[in-house]
Amino acid sequence: MIKRRGLAYSQNASRVLSIALTVVASLLLTPLPSQGQTPKRIHWNACLWQPKKWYSGSEAIRIADNLLLYQHPSGGWPKNIDMAVELDAAQKEHLKAINSLDSSTIDNSATYTQLRYLAKVYSSTALNQFKSSFMRGIDYLLKAQYANGGWPQFYPLRQGYYSHITFNDDAMIGTMKLLNDVSHKHFDFAYIDEQRCGQARRAVEKGIECILRCQIRIGGQLTAWCAQHDEHDFSPAQARSYELPSLSGEECVGIVEFLMMRENPSDEIKTSVQSAITWFDKVQIKGIRVIEVTDVKGPAGRNRVVVHDTAAPSMWARFYDIGTNRGFFCSRNGIKRDSLSQISYERRNHYSWLGYWPQRLLEKTYPEWAKKHSLKNVLR
């Protein structure tokens, strides 16, 4: 499970910055080439953000053909591959040869992003091979779901933390957003058959039930979620050695935002959201920011440090201790530390321990949601 890396941003919430970077990447892309010109190659990360007419062009079709080669027999896709790269004949044959080694996953935005892309290309071209691949992928996600409503990080299942119910890096939430859109035939999914729409709708409902069961209760009070939960008893679970059972200051944002997407939320969902928002408000960290400084002794000539700044916006820890609500930091030895400076150089500089993840949720999204549903704003 690969976490998003990088410095905790000092002026804007990391989620807002992510959206801004996506927009910038899209604006930097050139329009469709004129006849006779060679299409400009793009990275896979930009493939979902092109003008609508682009998806009927030769470059979009070439990339969709790549996805068919990368798709595993189970119907899912591997992660951390630039699937927009142009493949030569030898590479294509190699992919066909190794495709039986199934590494299908929903980690790092894999599978559900490939499905969104195929839907865009099929909607623009009506080429049946892309529809067929898309249907196989949807069937894969439906099959991968546990009976209790959760999704593992990898399916077919792998031993270890890979089998846990995985909220980490929005894996389960990204999957549920896709299935929710499919169930309502939103966007590029108008052609989906009624049977699969019904299956997707039921999968989302089961997923919500799982989310509500996973929410951690402390002293009788609902709080937040861990980045991963045990697939049998829903308890918070460990992933890698430094990703201990905890309350997550990042993953919980996507969970709450998804619950707030429900058009007619149940009383249980309303209570869940209100409780999580109360928790976010309680555990915010004021008066600090994270900066990067020159450090000639550091392997990369730099170092990440926490400094005091009374004017800085609130930050949140990636992990909070269950029971004390104290943010903690951890090296690969799995020992909790109270400050960023107390952990190894490698973990301090190559992992996001502090960030602004809930900022927009608390300042805008949640207040609007509470008003819409005539609920008390617990932040007042």
Protein backbone atom coordinates (compact mmCIF):
# COMPACT_ATOMS: atom_id res chain seq x y z
CA MET A 1 0.00 0.00 0.00
CA ILE A 2 1.76 3.13 -1.17
CA LYS A 3 0.85 6.33 0.60
CA ARG A 4 0.75 9.71 -1.00
CA ARG A 5 4.00 11.44 -0.27
CA GLY A 6 5.13 15.04 -0.09
CA LEU A 7 5.28 18.04 2.16
CA ALA A 8 2.20 19.05 4.12
CA TYR A 9 1.18 22.22 2.35
CA SER A 10 1.37 25.45 4.27
CA GLN A 11 -1.31 27.57 2.66
CA ASN A 12 -4.03 25.41 1.13
CA ALA A 13 -5.67 22.14 1.99
CA SER A 14 -3.93 19.28 0.20
CA ARG A 15 -7.22 18.20 -1.37
CA VAL A 16 -7.76 21.66 -2.85
CA LEU A 17 -4.19 21.66 -4.17
CA SER A 18 -4.74 18.24 -5.73
CA ILE A 19 -7.77 19.57 -7.61
CA ALA A 20 -5.81 22.64 -8.70
CA LEU A 21 -2.94 20.52 -9.99
CA THR A 22 -5.36 18.41 -11.98
CA VAL A 23 -6.84 21.51 -13.59
CA VAL A 24 -3.39 22.86 -14.40
CA ALA A 25 -2.37 19.54 -15.94
CA SER A 26 -5.46 19.61 -18.12
CA LEU A 27 -4.82 23.18 -19.27
CA LEU A 28 -1.27 22.34 -20.26
CA LEU A 29 -2.39 19.65 -22.67
CA THR A 30 -2.54 20.58 -26.35
CA PRO A 31 -5.77 20.41 -28.35
CA LEU A 32 -6.44 17.60 -30.80
CA PRO A 33 -3.77 17.65 -33.50
CA SER A 34 -4.59 18.73 -37.00
CA GLN A 35 -4.66 16.13 -39.74
CA GLY A 36 -1.16 14.85 -40.46
CA GLN A 37 0.28 15.83 -37.07
CA THR A 38 1.55 13.29 -34.56
CA PRO A 39 -0.67 13.27 -31.43
CA LYS A 40 1.02 14.54 -28.29
CA ARG A 41 1.53 11.78 -25.74
CA ILE A 42 0.06 12.35 -22.29
CA HIS A 43 0.52 10.66 -18.93
CA TRP A 44 -2.09 8.29 -17.58
CA ASN A 45 -2.79 10.67 -14.68
CA ALA A 46 -4.19 13.20 -17.17
CA CYS A 47 -6.32 10.79 -19.18
CA LEU A 48 -9.56 11.42 -17.30
CA TRP A 49 -9.35 15.19 -17.72
CA GLN A 50 -9.48 15.75 -21.47
CA PRO A 51 -12.06 17.64 -23.57
CA LYS A 52 -14.99 15.43 -24.50
CA LYS A 53 -14.13 15.29 -28.21
CA TRP A 54 -10.65 13.96 -27.41
CA TYR A 55 -12.09 10.59 -26.36
CA SER A 56 -13.16 9.79 -29.92
CA GLY A 57 -9.67 10.42 -31.32
CA SER A 58 -6.88 8.05 -32.25
CA GLU A 59 -4.79 8.80 -29.17
CA ALA A 60 -7.65 8.04 -26.79
CA ILE A 61 -8.39 4.80 -28.64
CA ARG A 62 -4.71 3.79 -28.54
CA ILE A 63 -4.66 4.24 -24.75
CA ALA A 64 -7.93 2.33 -24.37
CA ASP A 65 -6.35 -0.51 -26.37
CA ASN A 66 -3.50 -0.46 -23.86
CA LEU A 67 -5.99 -0.90 -21.02
CA LEU A 68 -7.30 -4.05 -22.64
CA LEU A 69 -3.77 -5.46 -22.60
CA TYR A 70 -3.19 -4.51 -18.97
CA GLN A 71 -6.54 -5.89 -17.77
CA HIS A 72 -6.11 -9.11 -15.81
CA PRO A 73 -8.23 -12.25 -16.32
CA SER A 74 -10.14 -11.39 -13.13
CA GLY A 75 -11.26 -8.14 -14.76
CA GLY A 76 -9.19 -5.73 -12.66
CA TRP A 77 -5.99 -3.78 -13.27
CA PRO A 78 -2.58 -3.45 -11.56
CA LYS A 79 -1.39 -0.20 -10.00
CA ASN A 80 1.41 2.34 -10.45
CA ILE A 81 1.73 1.99 -14.23
CA ASP A 82 1.56 4.75 -16.82
CA MET A 83 -0.89 2.98 -19.10
CA ALA A 84 -0.77 5.80 -21.64
CA VAL A 85 2.78 4.93 -22.73
CA GLU A 86 3.02 3.74 -26.33
CA LEU A 87 3.79 0.02 -26.39
CA ASP A 88 5.82 -1.72 -29.07
CA ALA A 89 5.05 -5.21 -30.35
CA ALA A 90 7.45 -6.90 -27.94
CA GLN A 91 5.94 -5.13 -24.93
CA LYS A 92 2.44 -6.09 -25.98
CA GLU A 93 3.44 -9.73 -26.30
CA HIS A 94 5.13 -9.57 -22.91
CA LEU A 95 1.93 -8.22 -21.32
CA LYS A 96 -0.08 -11.04 -22.83
CA ALA A 97 2.41 -13.55 -21.45
CA ILE A 98 2.43 -12.25 -17.86
CA ASN A 99 -1.23 -11.29 -17.58
CA SER A 100 -2.07 -14.53 -15.79
CA LEU A 101 -0.07 -13.25 -12.79
CA ASP A 102 -3.07 -11.40 -11.43
CA SER A 103 -2.26 -8.30 -9.35
CA SER A 104 -5.65 -6.59 -9.63
CA THR A 105 -6.21 -3.92 -6.99
CA ILE A 106 -8.17 -0.79 -6.07
CA ASP A 107 -5.12 0.69 -4.34
CA ASN A 108 -3.64 3.93 -5.67
CA SER A 109 -6.74 4.57 -7.80
CA ALA A 110 -6.30 1.40 -9.83
CA THR A 111 -9.21 -0.33 -11.62
CA TYR A 112 -11.93 2.24 -10.98
CA THR A 113 -10.01 4.91 -12.92
CA GLN A 114 -9.44 2.53 -15.83
CA LEU A 115 -13.17 1.84 -15.85
CA ARG A 116 -14.05 5.53 -15.95
CA TYR A 117 -11.68 5.98 -18.86
CA LEU A 118 -13.10 3.06 -20.85
CA ALA A 119 -16.60 4.41 -20.28
CA LYS A 120 -15.58 7.78 -21.73
CA VAL A 121 -14.02 6.20 -24.81
CA TYR A 122 -16.91 3.82 -25.40
CA SER A 123 -19.45 6.63 -25.05
CA SER A 124 -17.53 8.56 -27.72
CA THR A 125 -16.74 5.71 -30.13
CA ALA A 126 -19.30 2.90 -29.57
CA LEU A 127 -16.46 0.39 -30.06
CA ASN A 128 -17.72 -2.79 -28.44
CA GLN A 129 -14.34 -4.08 -27.24
CA PHE A 130 -14.23 -1.21 -24.75
CA LYS A 131 -17.75 -1.87 -23.52
CA SER A 132 -16.91 -5.54 -23.04
CA SER A 133 -13.77 -4.67 -21.06
CA PHE A 134 -15.74 -2.20 -18.96
CA MET A 135 -18.40 -4.78 -18.09
CA ARG A 136 -15.73 -7.27 -17.04
CA GLY A 137 -14.25 -4.62 -14.77
CA ILE A 138 -17.57 -3.79 -13.15
CA ASP A 139 -18.21 -7.49 -12.58
CA TYR A 140 -14.76 -7.71 -10.99
CA LEU A 141 -15.56 -4.94 -8.47
CA LEU A 142 -18.88 -6.54 -7.61
CA LYS A 143 -17.23 -9.92 -7.08
CA ALA A 144 -14.38 -8.45 -5.01
CA GLN A 145 -16.75 -7.00 -2.39
CA TYR A 146 -16.95 -8.87 0.89
CA ALA A 147 -20.36 -10.11 2.05
CA ASN A 148 -20.10 -7.54 4.87
CA GLY A 149 -19.88 -4.71 2.35
CA GLY A 150 -16.17 -3.91 2.48
CA TRP A 151 -13.54 -4.16 -0.24
CA PRO A 152 -10.04 -5.59 0.19
CA GLN A 153 -7.04 -3.81 -1.26
CA PHE A 154 -6.27 -6.71 -3.62
CA TYR A 155 -8.55 -9.26 -5.23
CA PRO A 156 -7.90 -12.15 -5.74
CA LEU A 157 -7.10 -11.99 -2.05
CA ARG A 158 -3.54 -11.81 -0.75
CA GLN A 159 -2.39 -12.77 2.70
CA GLY A 160 -1.54 -9.99 5.12
CA TYR A 161 -2.96 -6.50 5.46
CA TYR A 162 -3.91 -6.55 1.76
CA SER A 163 -7.10 -8.37 2.72
CA HIS A 164 -8.25 -5.72 5.19
CA ILE A 165 -11.21 -3.48 4.42
CA THR A 166 -9.26 -0.64 2.81
CA PHE A 167 -10.14 3.03 3.14
CA ASN A 168 -6.50 3.96 2.69
CA ASP A 169 -5.87 6.40 -0.18
CA ASP A 170 -9.63 6.42 -0.88
CA ALA A 171 -9.52 2.88 -2.33
CA MET A 172 -12.97 1.81 -1.13
CA ILE A 173 -14.47 5.28 -1.52
CA GLY A 174 -13.21 5.60 -5.10
CA THR A 175 -14.77 2.24 -5.88
CA MET A 176 -18.08 3.18 -4.29
CA LYS A 177 -18.23 6.52 -6.11
CA LEU A 178 -17.87 4.70 -9.42
CA LEU A 179 -20.54 2.13 -8.56
CA ASN A 180 -22.84 4.87 -7.32
CA ASP A 181 -22.52 6.67 -10.67
CA VAL A 182 -23.11 3.40 -12.51
CA SER A 183 -26.21 2.64 -10.45
CA HIS A 184 -27.74 5.99 -11.45
CA LYS A 185 -26.40 5.92 -15.03
CA HIS A 186 -24.65 9.21 -14.43
CA PHE A 187 -22.03 10.69 -16.76
CA ASP A 188 -20.78 8.07 -19.25
CA PHE A 189 -22.84 5.15 -17.93
CA ALA A 190 -26.16 5.52 -19.72
CA TYR A 191 -25.72 2.21 -21.56
CA ILE A 192 -25.35 0.03 -18.45
CA ASP A 193 -27.91 -2.78 -18.26
CA GLU A 194 -30.50 -2.72 -15.51
CA GLN A 195 -29.16 -5.87 -13.86
CA ARG A 196 -25.73 -4.37 -13.29
CA CYS A 197 -27.26 -1.07 -12.21
CA GLY A 198 -29.20 -2.94 -9.54
CA GLN A 199 -26.11 -4.87 -8.46
CA ALA A 200 -24.11 -1.65 -8.22
CA ARG A 201 -26.85 0.00 -6.16
CA ARG A 202 -26.94 -2.91 -3.71
CA ALA A 203 -23.14 -2.93 -3.50
CA VAL A 204 -23.13 0.75 -2.52
CA GLU A 205 -25.77 0.19 0.14
CA LYS A 206 -23.77 -2.71 1.58
CA GLY A 207 -20.67 -0.54 1.47
CA ILE A 208 -22.39 2.17 3.47
CA GLU A 209 -23.47 -0.38 6.06
CA CYS A 210 -19.83 -1.46 6.32
CA ILE A 211 -18.67 2.14 6.73
CA LEU A 212 -21.12 2.72 9.56
CA ARG A 213 -20.06 -0.49 11.30
CA CYS A 214 -16.38 0.44 11.05
CA GLN A 215 -16.76 3.88 12.66
CA ILE A 216 -14.83 3.73 15.92
CA ARG A 217 -16.70 4.36 19.15
CA ILE A 218 -14.77 5.60 22.19
CA GLY A 219 -16.48 5.89 25.55
CA GLY A 220 -19.84 5.49 23.87
CA GLN A 221 -19.12 8.31 21.38
CA LEU A 222 -18.70 7.79 17.65
CA THR A 223 -15.48 9.30 16.33
CA ALA A 224 -13.77 8.46 13.03
CA TRP A 225 -12.23 5.56 11.09
CA CYS A 226 -8.91 3.80 10.71
CA ALA A 227 -7.27 3.67 7.28
CA GLN A 228 -8.01 -0.05 7.25
CA HIS A 229 -10.25 -2.33 9.27
CA ASP A 230 -10.28 -6.04 9.97
CA GLU A 231 -12.41 -7.81 7.39
CA HIS A 232 -13.99 -10.09 10.00
CA ASP A 233 -14.81 -7.98 13.07
CA PHE A 234 -14.45 -4.40 11.64
CA SER A 235 -11.83 -3.46 14.25
CA PRO A 236 -9.10 -0.93 13.32
CA ALA A 237 -6.16 -2.79 11.82
CA GLN A 238 -2.48 -2.27 11.07
CA ALA A 239 -1.05 -2.09 7.57
CA ARG A 240 2.69 -1.47 7.21
CA SER A 241 4.90 -1.31 10.30
CA TYR A 242 4.43 2.46 10.70
CA GLU A 243 0.70 2.42 9.84
CA LEU A 244 -0.67 1.38 13.21
CA PRO A 245 -4.30 0.99 14.26
CA SER A 246 -5.43 4.57 14.69
CA LEU A 247 -7.93 7.27 13.81
CA SER A 248 -7.12 8.74 10.41
CA GLY A 249 -6.98 12.49 9.84
CA GLU A 250 -6.90 12.00 6.07
CA GLU A 251 -8.90 8.97 4.94
CA CYS A 252 -11.88 9.99 7.07
CA VAL A 253 -12.40 13.06 4.89
CA GLY A 254 -13.29 10.99 1.83
CA ILE A 255 -15.56 8.76 3.90
CA VAL A 256 -17.52 11.69 5.33
CA GLU A 257 -17.78 13.38 1.95
CA PHE A 258 -19.19 10.21 0.43
CA LEU A 259 -21.78 9.83 3.18
CA MET A 260 -22.83 13.43 2.60
CA MET A 261 -23.46 12.63 -1.07
CA ARG A 262 -26.55 10.58 -0.16
CA GLU A 263 -29.62 12.43 -1.40
CA ASN A 264 -31.81 11.31 1.49
CA PRO A 265 -29.42 10.35 4.29
CA SER A 266 -30.76 8.12 7.05
CA ASP A 267 -30.66 9.20 10.66
CA GLU A 268 -27.74 6.81 11.13
CA ILE A 269 -25.77 8.53 8.37
CA LYS A 270 -26.56 11.96 9.79
CA THR A 271 -25.34 10.86 13.22
CA SER A 272 -22.21 9.37 11.68
CA VAL A 273 -21.36 12.57 9.82
CA GLN A 274 -22.09 14.85 12.79
CA SER A 275 -19.93 12.68 15.04
CA ALA A 276 -17.00 12.65 12.62
CA ILE A 277 -17.18 16.42 12.16
CA THR A 278 -17.18 16.88 15.93
CA TRP A 279 -14.08 14.68 16.10
CA PHE A 280 -12.28 16.62 13.34
CA ASP A 281 -12.99 19.85 15.20
CA LYS A 282 -11.72 18.41 18.47
CA VAL A 283 -8.39 17.09 17.16
CA GLN A 284 -7.26 19.99 14.99
CA ILE A 285 -3.74 21.18 15.73
CA LYS A 286 -3.24 24.93 15.91
CA GLY A 287 -0.20 27.16 15.83
CA ILE A 288 2.16 25.07 13.69
CA ARG A 289 3.14 24.53 10.10
CA VAL A 290 5.53 22.17 8.30
CA ILE A 291 8.38 23.58 6.27
CA GLU A 292 11.29 22.19 4.32
CA VAL A 293 14.73 23.50 5.25
CA THR A 294 18.23 23.06 3.87
CA ASP A 295 20.11 20.34 5.72
CA VAL A 296 23.59 19.56 4.38
CA LYS A 297 23.73 16.49 6.63
CA GLY A 298 20.54 15.05 5.19
CA PRO A 299 20.78 12.48 2.37
CA ALA A 300 18.85 14.79 0.05
CA GLY A 301 20.25 18.04 1.42
CA ARG A 302 16.94 19.00 2.96
CA ASN A 303 14.79 18.22 5.96
CA ARG A 304 11.20 18.59 7.01
CA VAL A 305 10.54 20.37 10.29
CA VAL A 306 7.59 21.64 12.32
CA VAL A 307 7.72 25.32 13.29
CA HIS A 308 5.45 27.40 15.49
CA ASP A 309 3.25 29.94 13.70
CA THR A 310 0.28 31.43 15.52
CA ALA A 311 -1.15 32.72 12.22
CA ALA A 312 -1.06 29.31 10.49
CA PRO A 313 -4.31 27.50 9.67
CA SER A 314 -5.13 24.39 11.64
CA MET A 315 -3.45 21.12 10.70
CA TRP A 316 -4.38 17.51 11.34
CA ALA A 317 -2.23 14.47 12.02
CA ARG A 318 -2.33 11.52 9.65
CA PHE A 319 -2.72 9.18 12.64
CA TYR A 320 -4.31 9.71 16.04
CA ASP A 321 -4.00 7.39 19.00
CA ILE A 322 -7.30 5.63 19.72
CA GLY A 323 -8.41 6.67 23.17
CA THR A 324 -6.21 9.72 23.72
CA ASN A 325 -6.75 11.51 20.38
CA ARG A 326 -3.08 12.46 20.36
CA GLY A 327 -1.41 12.63 16.97
CA PHE A 328 1.58 10.32 16.63
CA PHE A 329 4.48 9.68 14.29
CA CYS A 330 6.27 6.46 13.56
CA SER A 331 9.44 5.06 12.01
CA ARG A 332 9.57 1.64 10.42
CA ASN A 333 10.22 0.11 13.83
CA GLY A 334 6.55 0.66 14.70
CA ILE A 335 7.21 2.73 17.85
CA LYS A 336 4.91 5.71 18.36
CA ARG A 337 6.55 9.09 18.80
CA ASP A 338 5.08 12.43 19.87
CA SER A 339 6.77 14.65 17.31
CA LEU A 340 7.94 14.60 13.70
CA SER A 341 11.53 15.27 14.77
CA GLN A 342 11.65 12.03 16.75
CA ILE A 343 11.26 9.67 13.81
CA SER A 344 13.78 8.57 11.19
CA TYR A 345 14.91 10.92 8.45
CA GLU A 346 13.50 8.58 5.81
CA ARG A 347 9.98 8.40 7.27
CA ARG A 348 9.98 12.07 8.23
CA ASN A 349 10.72 13.20 4.68
CA HIS A 350 8.91 10.57 2.62
CA TYR A 351 5.46 10.40 4.18
CA SER A 352 2.67 12.91 4.86
CA TRP A 353 2.28 13.00 8.63
CA LEU A 354 0.56 16.37 8.94
CA GLY A 355 -1.80 18.07 6.52
CA TYR A 356 -4.87 20.19 5.88
CA TRP A 357 -7.08 17.38 4.61
CA PRO A 358 -10.36 18.28 6.44
CA GLN A 359 -10.07 22.05 5.92
CA ARG A 360 -12.51 22.46 3.04
CA LEU A 361 -14.85 19.90 4.58
CA LEU A 362 -15.17 21.90 7.79
CA GLU A 363 -15.20 25.35 6.24
CA LYS A 364 -17.58 24.79 3.32
CA THR A 365 -18.85 21.30 2.48
CA TYR A 366 -20.17 20.31 5.89
CA PRO A 367 -21.88 23.64 6.78
CA GLU A 368 -23.71 23.57 3.44
CA TRP A 369 -24.75 19.94 4.02
CA ALA A 370 -26.00 20.64 7.57
CA LYS A 371 -28.05 23.59 6.31
CA LYS A 372 -29.50 21.56 3.44
CA HIS A 373 -30.75 18.90 5.83
CA SER A 374 -31.84 21.35 8.55
CA LEU A 375 -29.31 19.99 11.04
CA LYS A 376 -27.51 21.76 13.83
CA ASN A 377 -24.02 22.85 12.76
CA VAL A 378 -21.87 21.16 15.39
CA LEU A 379 -18.99 23.54 14.63
CA ARG A 380 -20.78 26.57 16.06
